[in-house]
């Protein structure tokens, strides 16, 4: 574990620092969700493009949770059915695989945004 000493030239209250950290975390979560979404869209099975277009990122700023979702009646089935054939493009587990593929990038993005809270 790496520890860093942070010194401030100005007086910053704990509340101000906490608010800045939270704002930075929300921005980092939003960017991370967008990165995962882009990769998931690339991986989605494609017939008409409706599934790809239905993807959306969201962030719950209160609980500091990000999500990526796809909103078609068949999104879950396409994701879970590993025996489907996808002749045009795409794969089952398109969202799960995108998250695994982008995990290191998500960590880097979050670290960058959180470090920015201390500048």
PDB file of N, CA and C in Angstrom:
ATOM      1  N   UNK A   1       0.846  -1.170   0.000  1.00  0.00           N
ATOM      2  CA  UNK A   1       0.000   0.000   0.000  1.00  0.00           C
ATOM      3  C   UNK A   1       0.894   1.238   0.000  1.00  0.00           C
ATOM      4  N   UNK A   2       0.524   2.216  -0.780  1.00  0.00           N
ATOM      5  CA  UNK A   2       1.280   3.454  -0.892  1.00  0.00           C
ATOM      6  C   UNK A   2       0.567   4.511  -0.062  1.00  0.00           C
ATOM      7  N   UNK A   3       1.318   5.214   0.740  1.00  0.00           N
ATOM      8  CA  UNK A   3       0.710   6.328   1.476  1.00  0.00           C
ATOM      9  C   UNK A   3       1.397   7.613   1.032  1.00  0.00           C
ATOM     10  N   UNK A   4       0.634   8.662   1.042  1.00  0.00           N
ATOM     11  CA  UNK A   4       1.156   9.959   0.635  1.00  0.00           C
ATOM     12  C   UNK A   4       0.755  10.984   1.677  1.00  0.00           C
ATOM     13  N   UNK A   5       1.622  11.907   1.886  1.00  0.00           N
ATOM     14  CA  UNK A   5       1.304  13.013   2.776  1.00  0.00           C
ATOM     15  C   UNK A   5       0.740  14.136   1.920  1.00  0.00           C
ATOM     16  N   UNK A   6      -0.377  14.683   2.347  1.00  0.00           N
ATOM     17  CA  UNK A   6      -1.016  15.768   1.616  1.00  0.00           C
ATOM     18  C   UNK A   6      -0.947  17.015   2.472  1.00  0.00           C
ATOM     19  N   UNK A   7      -0.402  18.075   1.893  1.00  0.00           N
ATOM     20  CA  UNK A   7      -0.342  19.347   2.584  1.00  0.00           C
ATOM     21  C   UNK A   7      -1.127  20.371   1.778  1.00  0.00           C
ATOM     22  N   UNK A   8      -1.834  21.219   2.481  1.00  0.00           N
ATOM     23  CA  UNK A   8      -2.644  22.237   1.827  1.00  0.00           C
ATOM     24  C   UNK A   8      -2.076  23.610   2.146  1.00  0.00           C
ATOM     25  N   UNK A   9      -2.019  24.445   1.125  1.00  0.00           N
ATOM     26  CA  UNK A   9      -1.564  25.818   1.315  1.00  0.00           C
ATOM     27  C   UNK A   9      -2.664  26.682   1.913  1.00  0.00           C
ATOM     28  N   UNK A  10      -3.886  26.286   1.702  1.00  0.00           N
ATOM     29  CA  UNK A  10      -5.026  27.015   2.233  1.00  0.00           C
ATOM     30  C   UNK A  10      -5.699  26.144   3.280  1.00  0.00           C
ATOM     31  N   UNK A  11      -6.435  26.790   4.130  1.00  0.00           N
ATOM     32  CA  UNK A  11      -7.217  26.017   5.096  1.00  0.00           C
ATOM     33  C   UNK A  11      -8.431  25.455   4.375  1.00  0.00           C
ATOM     34  N   UNK A  12      -8.576  24.153   4.478  1.00  0.00           N
ATOM     35  CA  UNK A  12      -9.700  23.467   3.860  1.00  0.00           C
ATOM     36  C   UNK A  12     -10.399  22.683   4.961  1.00  0.00           C
ATOM     37  N   UNK A  13     -11.681  22.872   5.065  1.00  0.00           N
ATOM     38  CA  UNK A  13     -12.417  22.148   6.102  1.00  0.00           C
ATOM     39  C   UNK A  13     -12.591  20.697   5.670  1.00  0.00           C
ATOM     40  N   UNK A  14     -12.814  19.862   6.635  1.00  0.00           N
ATOM     41  CA  UNK A  14     -13.063  18.444   6.347  1.00  0.00           C
ATOM     42  C   UNK A  14     -14.286  18.294   5.452  1.00  0.00           C
ATOM     43  N   UNK A  15     -15.281  19.120   5.650  1.00  0.00           N
ATOM     44  CA  UNK A  15     -16.502  19.056   4.838  1.00  0.00           C
ATOM     45  C   UNK A  15     -16.207  19.435   3.387  1.00  0.00           C
ATOM     46  N   UNK A  16     -15.382  20.479   3.202  1.00  0.00           N
ATOM     47  CA  UNK A  16     -15.020  20.890   1.842  1.00  0.00           C
ATOM     48  C   UNK A  16     -14.223  19.789   1.142  1.00  0.00           C
ATOM     49  N   UNK A  17     -13.285  19.206   1.848  1.00  0.00           N
ATOM     50  CA  UNK A  17     -12.469  18.144   1.274  1.00  0.00           C
ATOM     51  C   UNK A  17     -13.333  16.931   0.949  1.00  0.00           C
ATOM     52  N   UNK A  18     -14.214  16.579   1.849  1.00  0.00           N
ATOM     53  CA  UNK A  18     -15.109  15.447   1.624  1.00  0.00           C
ATOM     54  C   UNK A  18     -15.997  15.683   0.403  1.00  0.00           C
ATOM     55  N   UNK A  19     -16.515  16.887   0.265  1.00  0.00           N
ATOM     56  CA  UNK A  19     -17.362  17.217  -0.884  1.00  0.00           C
ATOM     57  C   UNK A  19     -16.570  17.152  -2.187  1.00  0.00           C
ATOM     58  N   UNK A  20     -15.340  17.640  -2.172  1.00  0.00           N
ATOM     59  CA  UNK A  20     -14.509  17.596  -3.373  1.00  0.00           C
ATOM     60  C   UNK A  20     -14.163  16.154  -3.742  1.00  0.00           C
ATOM     61  N   UNK A  21     -13.856  15.339  -2.763  1.00  0.00           N
ATOM     62  CA  UNK A  21     -13.566  13.927  -3.030  1.00  0.00           C
ATOM     63  C   UNK A  21     -14.788  13.252  -3.633  1.00  0.00           C
ATOM     64  N   UNK A  22     -15.956  13.540  -3.077  1.00  0.00           N
ATOM     65  CA  UNK A  22     -17.181  12.933  -3.598  1.00  0.00           C
ATOM     66  C   UNK A  22     -17.459  13.390  -5.026  1.00  0.00           C
ATOM     67  N   UNK A  23     -17.301  14.676  -5.311  1.00  0.00           N
ATOM     68  CA  UNK A  23     -17.502  15.178  -6.685  1.00  0.00           C
ATOM     69  C   UNK A  23     -16.543  14.482  -7.644  1.00  0.00           C
ATOM     70  N   UNK A  24     -15.302  14.351  -7.234  1.00  0.00           N
ATOM     71  CA  UNK A  24     -14.305  13.692  -8.087  1.00  0.00           C
ATOM     72  C   UNK A  24     -14.646  12.222  -8.287  1.00  0.00           C
ATOM     73  N   UNK A  25     -15.101  11.574  -7.236  1.00  0.00           N
ATOM     74  CA  UNK A  25     -15.488  10.165  -7.342  1.00  0.00           C
ATOM     75  C   UNK A  25     -16.654   9.998  -8.314  1.00  0.00           C
ATOM     76  N   UNK A  26     -17.637  10.878  -8.227  1.00  0.00           N
ATOM     77  CA  UNK A  26     -18.792  10.810  -9.142  1.00  0.00           C
ATOM     78  C   UNK A  26     -18.337  10.987 -10.586  1.00  0.00           C
ATOM     79  N   UNK A  27     -17.455  11.954 -10.837  1.00  0.00           N
ATOM     80  CA  UNK A  27     -16.940  12.165 -12.194  1.00  0.00           C
ATOM     81  C   UNK A  27     -16.151  10.951 -12.675  1.00  0.00           C
ATOM     82  N   UNK A  28     -15.343  10.377 -11.799  1.00  0.00           N
ATOM     83  CA  UNK A  28     -14.568   9.194 -12.160  1.00  0.00           C
ATOM     84  C   UNK A  28     -15.460   7.997 -12.435  1.00  0.00           C
ATOM     85  N   UNK A  29     -16.496   7.836 -11.640  1.00  0.00           N
ATOM     86  CA  UNK A  29     -17.442   6.745 -11.875  1.00  0.00           C
ATOM     87  C   UNK A  29     -18.169   6.929 -13.208  1.00  0.00           C
ATOM     88  N   UNK A  30     -18.554   8.166 -13.515  1.00  0.00           N
ATOM     89  CA  UNK A  30     -19.245   8.445 -14.783  1.00  0.00           C
ATOM     90  C   UNK A  30     -18.331   8.103 -15.968  1.00  0.00           C
ATOM     91  N   UNK A  31     -17.090   8.566 -15.922  1.00  0.00           N
ATOM     92  CA  UNK A  31     -16.139   8.290 -17.000  1.00  0.00           C
ATOM     93  C   UNK A  31     -15.885   6.791 -17.107  1.00  0.00           C
ATOM     94  N   UNK A  32     -15.730   6.121 -15.985  1.00  0.00           N
ATOM     95  CA  UNK A  32     -15.499   4.676 -15.986  1.00  0.00           C
ATOM     96  C   UNK A  32     -16.669   3.921 -16.615  1.00  0.00           C
ATOM     97  N   UNK A  33     -17.880   4.314 -16.244  1.00  0.00           N
ATOM     98  CA  UNK A  33     -19.068   3.671 -16.811  1.00  0.00           C
ATOM     99  C   UNK A  33     -19.134   3.896 -18.321  1.00  0.00           C
ATOM    100  N   UNK A  34     -18.748   5.073 -18.774  1.00  0.00           N
ATOM    101  CA  UNK A  34     -18.747   5.357 -20.210  1.00  0.00           C
ATOM    102  C   UNK A  34     -17.727   4.494 -20.948  1.00  0.00           C
ATOM    103  N   UNK A  35     -16.576   4.259 -20.339  1.00  0.00           N
ATOM    104  CA  UNK A  35     -15.545   3.413 -20.952  1.00  0.00           C
ATOM    105  C   UNK A  35     -16.038   1.974 -21.046  1.00  0.00           C
ATOM    106  N   UNK A  36     -16.626   1.472 -19.974  1.00  0.00           N
ATOM    107  CA  UNK A  36     -17.165   0.107 -19.987  1.00  0.00           C
ATOM    108  C   UNK A  36     -18.287   0.000 -21.021  1.00  0.00           C
ATOM    109  N   UNK A  37     -19.141   1.005 -21.084  1.00  0.00           N
ATOM    110  CA  UNK A  37     -20.235   1.000 -22.058  1.00  0.00           C
ATOM    111  C   UNK A  37     -19.708   0.947 -23.488  1.00  0.00           C
ATOM    112  N   UNK A  38     -18.704   1.720 -23.791  1.00  0.00           N
ATOM    113  CA  UNK A  38     -18.154   1.728 -25.157  1.00  0.00           C
ATOM    114  C   UNK A  38     -17.652   0.338 -25.548  1.00  0.00           C
ATOM    115  N   UNK A  39     -16.967  -0.322 -24.642  1.00  0.00           N
ATOM    116  CA  UNK A  39     -16.471  -1.668 -24.934  1.00  0.00           C
ATOM    117  C   UNK A  39     -17.628  -2.654 -25.017  1.00  0.00           C
ATOM    118  N   UNK A  40     -18.602  -2.521 -24.132  1.00  0.00           N
ATOM    119  CA  UNK A  40     -19.762  -3.416 -24.171  1.00  0.00           C
ATOM    120  C   UNK A  40     -20.538  -3.248 -25.476  1.00  0.00           C
ATOM    121  N   UNK A  41     -20.688  -2.013 -25.923  1.00  0.00           N
ATOM    122  CA  UNK A  41     -21.380  -1.789 -27.203  1.00  0.00           C
ATOM    123  C   UNK A  41     -20.635  -2.459 -28.354  1.00  0.00           C
ATOM    124  N   UNK A  42     -19.320  -2.395 -28.296  1.00  0.00           N
ATOM    125  CA  UNK A  42     -18.518  -3.057 -29.323  1.00  0.00           C
ATOM    126  C   UNK A  42     -18.742  -4.573 -29.297  1.00  0.00           C
ATOM    127  N   UNK A  43     -18.995  -5.113 -28.122  1.00  0.00           N
ATOM    128  CA  UNK A  43     -19.165  -6.562 -27.953  1.00  0.00           C
ATOM    129  C   UNK A  43     -20.598  -7.052 -28.117  1.00  0.00           C
ATOM    130  N   UNK A  44     -21.572  -6.149 -28.166  1.00  0.00           N
ATOM    131  CA  UNK A  44     -22.965  -6.597 -28.206  1.00  0.00           C
ATOM    132  C   UNK A  44     -23.275  -7.309 -29.506  1.00  0.00           C
ATOM    133  N   UNK A  45     -24.110  -8.330 -29.429  1.00  0.00           N
ATOM    134  CA  UNK A  45     -24.594  -8.959 -30.655  1.00  0.00           C
ATOM    135  C   UNK A  45     -25.328  -7.915 -31.493  1.00  0.00           C
ATOM    136  N   UNK A  46     -25.192  -8.026 -32.781  1.00  0.00           N
ATOM    137  CA  UNK A  46     -25.765  -7.006 -33.663  1.00  0.00           C
ATOM    138  C   UNK A  46     -26.674  -7.641 -34.707  1.00  0.00           C
ATOM    139  N   UNK A  47     -27.896  -7.168 -34.731  1.00  0.00           N
ATOM    140  CA  UNK A  47     -28.793  -7.505 -35.826  1.00  0.00           C
ATOM    141  C   UNK A  47     -29.335  -6.207 -36.408  1.00  0.00           C
ATOM    142  N   UNK A  48     -30.009  -5.414 -35.582  1.00  0.00           N
ATOM    143  CA  UNK A  48     -30.544  -4.126 -36.053  1.00  0.00           C
ATOM    144  C   UNK A  48     -29.822  -2.941 -35.410  1.00  0.00           C
ATOM    145  N   UNK A  49     -29.067  -3.190 -34.343  1.00  0.00           N
ATOM    146  CA  UNK A  49     -28.390  -2.121 -33.621  1.00  0.00           C
ATOM    147  C   UNK A  49     -29.171  -1.601 -32.425  1.00  0.00           C
ATOM    148  N   UNK A  50     -30.405  -2.096 -32.243  1.00  0.00           N
ATOM    149  CA  UNK A  50     -31.217  -1.628 -31.120  1.00  0.00           C
ATOM    150  C   UNK A  50     -30.562  -1.940 -29.778  1.00  0.00           C
ATOM    151  N   UNK A  51     -29.985  -3.127 -29.660  1.00  0.00           N
ATOM    152  CA  UNK A  51     -29.348  -3.501 -28.399  1.00  0.00           C
ATOM    153  C   UNK A  51     -28.184  -2.565 -28.082  1.00  0.00           C
ATOM    154  N   UNK A  52     -27.335  -2.314 -29.057  1.00  0.00           N
ATOM    155  CA  UNK A  52     -26.203  -1.399 -28.855  1.00  0.00           C
ATOM    156  C   UNK A  52     -26.672  -0.019 -28.412  1.00  0.00           C
ATOM    157  N   UNK A  53     -27.671   0.503 -29.109  1.00  0.00           N
ATOM    158  CA  UNK A  53     -28.170   1.855 -28.824  1.00  0.00           C
ATOM    159  C   UNK A  53     -28.871   1.952 -27.478  1.00  0.00           C
ATOM    160  N   UNK A  54     -29.332   0.831 -26.945  1.00  0.00           N
ATOM    161  CA  UNK A  54     -30.073   0.880 -25.686  1.00  0.00           C
ATOM    162  C   UNK A  54     -29.163   0.980 -24.463  1.00  0.00           C
ATOM    163  N   UNK A  55     -27.865   0.842 -24.651  1.00  0.00           N
ATOM    164  CA  UNK A  55     -26.928   0.903 -23.529  1.00  0.00           C
ATOM    165  C   UNK A  55     -26.821   2.305 -22.956  1.00  0.00           C
ATOM    166  N   UNK A  56     -26.715   2.361 -21.630  1.00  0.00           N
ATOM    167  CA  UNK A  56     -26.600   3.665 -20.967  1.00  0.00           C
ATOM    168  C   UNK A  56     -25.818   3.518 -19.664  1.00  0.00           C
ATOM    169  N   UNK A  57     -24.996   4.538 -19.367  1.00  0.00           N
ATOM    170  CA  UNK A  57     -24.315   4.556 -18.069  1.00  0.00           C
ATOM    171  C   UNK A  57     -25.167   5.319 -17.059  1.00  0.00           C
ATOM    172  N   UNK A  58     -25.009   5.008 -15.794  1.00  0.00           N
ATOM    173  CA  UNK A  58     -25.670   5.793 -14.753  1.00  0.00           C
ATOM    174  C   UNK A  58     -24.788   5.790 -13.508  1.00  0.00           C
ATOM    175  N   UNK A  59     -24.950   6.817 -12.702  1.00  0.00           N
ATOM    176  CA  UNK A  59     -24.192   6.940 -11.459  1.00  0.00           C
ATOM    177  C   UNK A  59     -25.155   7.353 -10.353  1.00  0.00           C
ATOM    178  N   UNK A  60     -25.068   6.659  -9.238  1.00  0.00           N
ATOM    179  CA  UNK A  60     -25.808   7.037  -8.033  1.00  0.00           C
ATOM    180  C   UNK A  60     -24.829   7.818  -7.162  1.00  0.00           C
ATOM    181  N   UNK A  61     -24.944   9.152  -7.146  1.00  0.00           N
ATOM    182  CA  UNK A  61     -23.970   9.962  -6.413  1.00  0.00           C
ATOM    183  C   UNK A  61     -24.077   9.822  -4.895  1.00  0.00           C
ATOM    184  N   UNK A  62     -25.215   9.403  -4.400  1.00  0.00           N
ATOM    185  CA  UNK A  62     -25.375   9.232  -2.960  1.00  0.00           C
ATOM    186  C   UNK A  62     -24.584   8.024  -2.458  1.00  0.00           C
ATOM    187  N   UNK A  63     -24.702   6.923  -3.182  1.00  0.00           N
ATOM    188  CA  UNK A  63     -24.040   5.686  -2.772  1.00  0.00           C
ATOM    189  C   UNK A  63     -22.724   5.433  -3.494  1.00  0.00           C
ATOM    190  N   UNK A  64     -22.348   6.351  -4.403  1.00  0.00           N
ATOM    191  CA  UNK A  64     -21.118   6.216  -5.195  1.00  0.00           C
ATOM    192  C   UNK A  64     -21.037   4.861  -5.892  1.00  0.00           C
ATOM    193  N   UNK A  65     -22.074   4.601  -6.701  1.00  0.00           N
ATOM    194  CA  UNK A  65     -22.167   3.362  -7.461  1.00  0.00           C
ATOM    195  C   UNK A  65     -22.448   3.724  -8.912  1.00  0.00           C
ATOM    196  N   UNK A  66     -21.721   3.078  -9.811  1.00  0.00           N
ATOM    197  CA  UNK A  66     -21.966   3.268 -11.243  1.00  0.00           C
ATOM    198  C   UNK A  66     -22.566   1.997 -11.814  1.00  0.00           C
ATOM    199  N   UNK A  67     -23.322   2.157 -12.886  1.00  0.00           N
ATOM    200  CA  UNK A  67     -23.925   1.004 -13.560  1.00  0.00           C
ATOM    201  C   UNK A  67     -23.924   1.237 -15.058  1.00  0.00           C
ATOM    202  N   UNK A  68     -23.905   0.150 -15.780  1.00  0.00           N
ATOM    203  CA  UNK A  68     -24.098   0.169 -17.227  1.00  0.00           C
ATOM    204  C   UNK A  68     -25.234  -0.803 -17.494  1.00  0.00           C
ATOM    205  N   UNK A  69     -26.211  -0.354 -18.240  1.00  0.00           N
ATOM    206  CA  UNK A  69     -27.360  -1.223 -18.497  1.00  0.00           C
ATOM    207  C   UNK A  69     -27.749  -1.161 -19.967  1.00  0.00           C
ATOM    208  N   UNK A  70     -28.420  -2.211 -20.399  1.00  0.00           N
ATOM    209  CA  UNK A  70     -28.980  -2.288 -21.746  1.00  0.00           C
ATOM    210  C   UNK A  70     -30.466  -2.535 -21.582  1.00  0.00           C
ATOM    211  N   UNK A  71     -31.272  -1.783 -22.338  1.00  0.00           N
ATOM    212  CA  UNK A  71     -32.704  -1.768 -22.100  1.00  0.00           C
ATOM    213  C   UNK A  71     -33.493  -2.219 -23.325  1.00  0.00           C
ATOM    214  N   UNK A  72     -33.382  -3.481 -23.647  1.00  0.00           N
ATOM    215  CA  UNK A  72     -34.272  -4.074 -24.644  1.00  0.00           C
ATOM    216  C   UNK A  72     -34.876  -5.314 -23.992  1.00  0.00           C
ATOM    217  N   UNK A  73     -36.012  -5.781 -24.497  1.00  0.00           N
ATOM    218  CA  UNK A  73     -36.626  -6.967 -23.894  1.00  0.00           C
ATOM    219  C   UNK A  73     -35.727  -8.212 -23.950  1.00  0.00           C
ATOM    220  N   UNK A  74     -34.778  -8.219 -24.851  1.00  0.00           N
ATOM    221  CA  UNK A  74     -33.937  -9.403 -25.040  1.00  0.00           C
ATOM    222  C   UNK A  74     -32.495  -9.199 -24.572  1.00  0.00           C
ATOM    223  N   UNK A  75     -32.198  -8.089 -23.926  1.00  0.00           N
ATOM    224  CA  UNK A  75     -30.817  -7.787 -23.523  1.00  0.00           C
ATOM    225  C   UNK A  75     -30.247  -8.845 -22.582  1.00  0.00           C
ATOM    226  N   UNK A  76     -31.008  -9.220 -21.577  1.00  0.00           N
ATOM    227  CA  UNK A  76     -30.511 -10.207 -20.612  1.00  0.00           C
ATOM    228  C   UNK A  76     -30.322 -11.559 -21.293  1.00  0.00           C
ATOM    229  N   UNK A  77     -31.278 -11.955 -22.103  1.00  0.00           N
ATOM    230  CA  UNK A  77     -31.180 -13.261 -22.779  1.00  0.00           C
ATOM    231  C   UNK A  77     -29.968 -13.304 -23.702  1.00  0.00           C
ATOM    232  N   UNK A  78     -29.748 -12.232 -24.458  1.00  0.00           N
ATOM    233  CA  UNK A  78     -28.577 -12.172 -25.337  1.00  0.00           C
ATOM    234  C   UNK A  78     -27.287 -12.228 -24.523  1.00  0.00           C
ATOM    235  N   UNK A  79     -27.301 -11.614 -23.362  1.00  0.00           N
ATOM    236  CA  UNK A  79     -26.112 -11.606 -22.516  1.00  0.00           C
ATOM    237  C   UNK A  79     -25.827 -12.993 -21.948  1.00  0.00           C
ATOM    238  N   UNK A  80     -26.853 -13.675 -21.502  1.00  0.00           N
ATOM    239  CA  UNK A  80     -26.676 -14.927 -20.767  1.00  0.00           C
ATOM    240  C   UNK A  80     -26.618 -16.181 -21.638  1.00  0.00           C
ATOM    241  N   UNK A  81     -27.199 -16.138 -22.806  1.00  0.00           N
ATOM    242  CA  UNK A  81     -27.280 -17.349 -23.640  1.00  0.00           C
ATOM    243  C   UNK A  81     -25.981 -17.564 -24.406  1.00  0.00           C
ATOM    244  N   UNK A  82     -25.143 -18.426 -23.887  1.00  0.00           N
ATOM    245  CA  UNK A  82     -23.818 -18.639 -24.484  1.00  0.00           C
ATOM    246  C   UNK A  82     -23.867 -19.509 -25.741  1.00  0.00           C
ATOM    247  N   UNK A  83     -25.004 -20.123 -26.025  1.00  0.00           N
ATOM    248  CA  UNK A  83     -25.105 -20.980 -27.208  1.00  0.00           C
ATOM    249  C   UNK A  83     -25.690 -20.276 -28.431  1.00  0.00           C
ATOM    250  N   UNK A  84     -26.038 -19.009 -28.296  1.00  0.00           N
ATOM    251  CA  UNK A  84     -26.535 -18.272 -29.460  1.00  0.00           C
ATOM    252  C   UNK A  84     -25.395 -18.033 -30.444  1.00  0.00           C
ATOM    253  N   UNK A  85     -25.751 -18.048 -31.719  1.00  0.00           N
ATOM    254  CA  UNK A  85     -24.790 -17.736 -32.778  1.00  0.00           C
ATOM    255  C   UNK A  85     -24.941 -16.251 -33.120  1.00  0.00           C
ATOM    256  N   UNK A  86     -23.835 -15.562 -33.265  1.00  0.00           N
ATOM    257  CA  UNK A  86     -23.850 -14.133 -33.593  1.00  0.00           C
ATOM    258  C   UNK A  86     -23.070 -13.928 -34.892  1.00  0.00           C
ATOM    259  N   UNK A  87     -23.713 -14.179 -36.030  1.00  0.00           N
ATOM    260  CA  UNK A  87     -22.975 -14.144 -37.305  1.00  0.00           C
ATOM    261  C   UNK A  87     -22.490 -12.765 -37.726  1.00  0.00           C
ATOM    262  N   UNK A  88     -23.189 -11.703 -37.346  1.00  0.00           N
ATOM    263  CA  UNK A  88     -22.759 -10.364 -37.763  1.00  0.00           C
ATOM    264  C   UNK A  88     -21.645  -9.829 -36.875  1.00  0.00           C
ATOM    265  N   UNK A  89     -21.839  -9.874 -35.581  1.00  0.00           N
ATOM    266  CA  UNK A  89     -20.812  -9.479 -34.616  1.00  0.00           C
ATOM    267  C   UNK A  89     -21.366  -9.670 -33.214  1.00  0.00           C
ATOM    268  N   UNK A  90     -20.481  -9.671 -32.246  1.00  0.00           N
ATOM    269  CA  UNK A  90     -20.903  -9.704 -30.866  1.00  0.00           C
ATOM    270  C   UNK A  90     -20.702 -11.043 -30.194  1.00  0.00           C
ATOM    271  N   UNK A  91     -21.069 -11.052 -28.905  1.00  0.00           N
ATOM    272  CA  UNK A  91     -20.842 -12.247 -28.101  1.00  0.00           C
ATOM    273  C   UNK A  91     -21.787 -12.250 -26.911  1.00  0.00           C
ATOM    274  N   UNK A  92     -21.982 -13.427 -26.356  1.00  0.00           N
ATOM    275  CA  UNK A  92     -22.676 -13.527 -25.081  1.00  0.00           C
ATOM    276  C   UNK A  92     -21.762 -12.892 -24.037  1.00  0.00           C
ATOM    277  N   UNK A  93     -22.320 -12.538 -22.913  1.00  0.00           N
ATOM    278  CA  UNK A  93     -21.557 -11.941 -21.812  1.00  0.00           C
ATOM    279  C   UNK A  93     -20.881 -10.635 -22.238  1.00  0.00           C
ATOM    280  N   UNK A  94     -21.518  -9.911 -23.165  1.00  0.00           N
ATOM    281  CA  UNK A  94     -20.922  -8.694 -23.721  1.00  0.00           C
ATOM    282  C   UNK A  94     -20.649  -7.629 -22.662  1.00  0.00           C
ATOM    283  N   UNK A  95     -21.472  -7.544 -21.642  1.00  0.00           N
ATOM    284  CA  UNK A  95     -21.248  -6.556 -20.590  1.00  0.00           C
ATOM    285  C   UNK A  95     -20.250  -7.075 -19.553  1.00  0.00           C
ATOM    286  N   UNK A  96     -20.415  -8.299 -19.151  1.00  0.00           N
ATOM    287  CA  UNK A  96     -19.497  -8.908 -18.187  1.00  0.00           C
ATOM    288  C   UNK A  96     -18.063  -8.905 -18.727  1.00  0.00           C
ATOM    289  N   UNK A  97     -17.919  -9.271 -19.991  1.00  0.00           N
ATOM    290  CA  UNK A  97     -16.595  -9.282 -20.608  1.00  0.00           C
ATOM    291  C   UNK A  97     -16.008  -7.879 -20.723  1.00  0.00           C
ATOM    292  N   UNK A  98     -16.855  -6.912 -21.012  1.00  0.00           N
ATOM    293  CA  UNK A  98     -16.380  -5.523 -21.115  1.00  0.00           C
ATOM    294  C   UNK A  98     -15.853  -5.036 -19.768  1.00  0.00           C
ATOM    295  N   UNK A  99     -16.539  -5.356 -18.705  1.00  0.00           N
ATOM    296  CA  UNK A  99     -16.087  -4.943 -17.385  1.00  0.00           C
ATOM    297  C   UNK A  99     -14.746  -5.597 -17.042  1.00  0.00           C
ATOM    298  N   UNK A 100     -14.619  -6.878 -17.348  1.00  0.00           N
ATOM    299  CA  UNK A 100     -13.348  -7.568 -17.096  1.00  0.00           C
ATOM    300  C   UNK A 100     -12.226  -6.967 -17.939  1.00  0.00           C
ATOM    301  N   UNK A 101     -12.533  -6.680 -19.196  1.00  0.00           N
ATOM    302  CA  UNK A 101     -11.537  -6.117 -20.112  1.00  0.00           C
ATOM    303  C   UNK A 101     -11.079  -4.731 -19.683  1.00  0.00           C
ATOM    304  N   UNK A 102     -11.986  -3.956 -19.129  1.00  0.00           N
ATOM    305  CA  UNK A 102     -11.683  -2.563 -18.775  1.00  0.00           C
ATOM    306  C   UNK A 102     -11.343  -2.370 -17.294  1.00  0.00           C
ATOM    307  N   UNK A 103     -11.233  -3.434 -16.523  1.00  0.00           N
ATOM    308  CA  UNK A 103     -11.013  -3.311 -15.072  1.00  0.00           C
ATOM    309  C   UNK A 103      -9.786  -2.465 -14.744  1.00  0.00           C
ATOM    310  N   UNK A 104      -8.676  -2.708 -15.415  1.00  0.00           N
ATOM    311  CA  UNK A 104      -7.471  -1.906 -15.137  1.00  0.00           C
ATOM    312  C   UNK A 104      -7.684  -0.445 -15.506  1.00  0.00           C
ATOM    313  N   UNK A 105      -8.338  -0.204 -16.635  1.00  0.00           N
ATOM    314  CA  UNK A 105      -8.618   1.182 -17.033  1.00  0.00           C
ATOM    315  C   UNK A 105      -9.544   1.868 -16.032  1.00  0.00           C
ATOM    316  N   UNK A 106     -10.532   1.142 -15.539  1.00  0.00           N
ATOM    317  CA  UNK A 106     -11.450   1.713 -14.555  1.00  0.00           C
ATOM    318  C   UNK A 106     -10.683   2.104 -13.298  1.00  0.00           C
ATOM    319  N   UNK A 107      -9.798   1.244 -12.843  1.00  0.00           N
ATOM    320  CA  UNK A 107      -8.983   1.573 -11.659  1.00  0.00           C
ATOM    321  C   UNK A 107      -8.135   2.826 -11.905  1.00  0.00           C
ATOM    322  N   UNK A 108      -7.536   2.913 -13.083  1.00  0.00           N
ATOM    323  CA  UNK A 108      -6.702   4.074 -13.409  1.00  0.00           C
ATOM    324  C   UNK A 108      -7.531   5.354 -13.497  1.00  0.00           C
ATOM    325  N   UNK A 109      -8.691   5.260 -14.090  1.00  0.00           N
ATOM    326  CA  UNK A 109      -9.570   6.426 -14.214  1.00  0.00           C
ATOM    327  C   UNK A 109      -9.993   6.912 -12.835  1.00  0.00           C
ATOM    328  N   UNK A 110     -10.423   5.993 -11.997  1.00  0.00           N
ATOM    329  CA  UNK A 110     -10.849   6.377 -10.644  1.00  0.00           C
ATOM    330  C   UNK A 110      -9.694   6.987  -9.860  1.00  0.00           C
ATOM    331  N   UNK A 111      -8.516   6.392  -9.973  1.00  0.00           N
ATOM    332  CA  UNK A 111      -7.342   6.927  -9.272  1.00  0.00           C
ATOM    333  C   UNK A 111      -7.031   8.341  -9.750  1.00  0.00           C
ATOM    334  N   UNK A 112      -7.110   8.559 -11.066  1.00  0.00           N
ATOM    335  CA  UNK A 112      -6.819   9.881 -11.627  1.00  0.00           C
ATOM    336  C   UNK A 112      -7.797  10.931 -11.098  1.00  0.00           C
ATOM    337  N   UNK A 113      -9.078  10.604 -11.099  1.00  0.00           N
ATOM    338  CA  UNK A 113     -10.076  11.558 -10.628  1.00  0.00           C
ATOM    339  C   UNK A 113      -9.952  11.807  -9.129  1.00  0.00           C
ATOM    340  N   UNK A 114      -9.685  10.767  -8.365  1.00  0.00           N
ATOM    341  CA  UNK A 114      -9.546  10.951  -6.916  1.00  0.00           C
ATOM    342  C   UNK A 114      -8.275  11.722  -6.566  1.00  0.00           C
ATOM    343  N   UNK A 115      -7.207  11.478  -7.289  1.00  0.00           N
ATOM    344  CA  UNK A 115      -5.993  12.272  -7.073  1.00  0.00           C
ATOM    345  C   UNK A 115      -6.273  13.744  -7.350  1.00  0.00           C
ATOM    346  N   UNK A 116      -7.074  13.998  -8.363  1.00  0.00           N
ATOM    347  CA  UNK A 116      -7.427  15.370  -8.722  1.00  0.00           C
ATOM    348  C   UNK A 116      -8.162  16.099  -7.613  1.00  0.00           C
ATOM    349  N   UNK A 117      -8.820  15.363  -6.721  1.00  0.00           N
ATOM    350  CA  UNK A 117      -9.535  16.009  -5.620  1.00  0.00           C
ATOM    351  C   UNK A 117      -8.580  16.682  -4.655  1.00  0.00           C
ATOM    352  N   UNK A 118      -7.324  16.272  -4.667  1.00  0.00           N
ATOM    353  CA  UNK A 118      -6.354  16.812  -3.724  1.00  0.00           C
ATOM    354  C   UNK A 118      -5.486  17.912  -4.319  1.00  0.00           C
ATOM    355  N   UNK A 119      -5.790  18.331  -5.513  1.00  0.00           N
ATOM    356  CA  UNK A 119      -5.006  19.404  -6.155  1.00  0.00           C
ATOM    357  C   UNK A 119      -5.613  20.747  -5.895  1.00  0.00           C
TER     358      UNK A 119
END
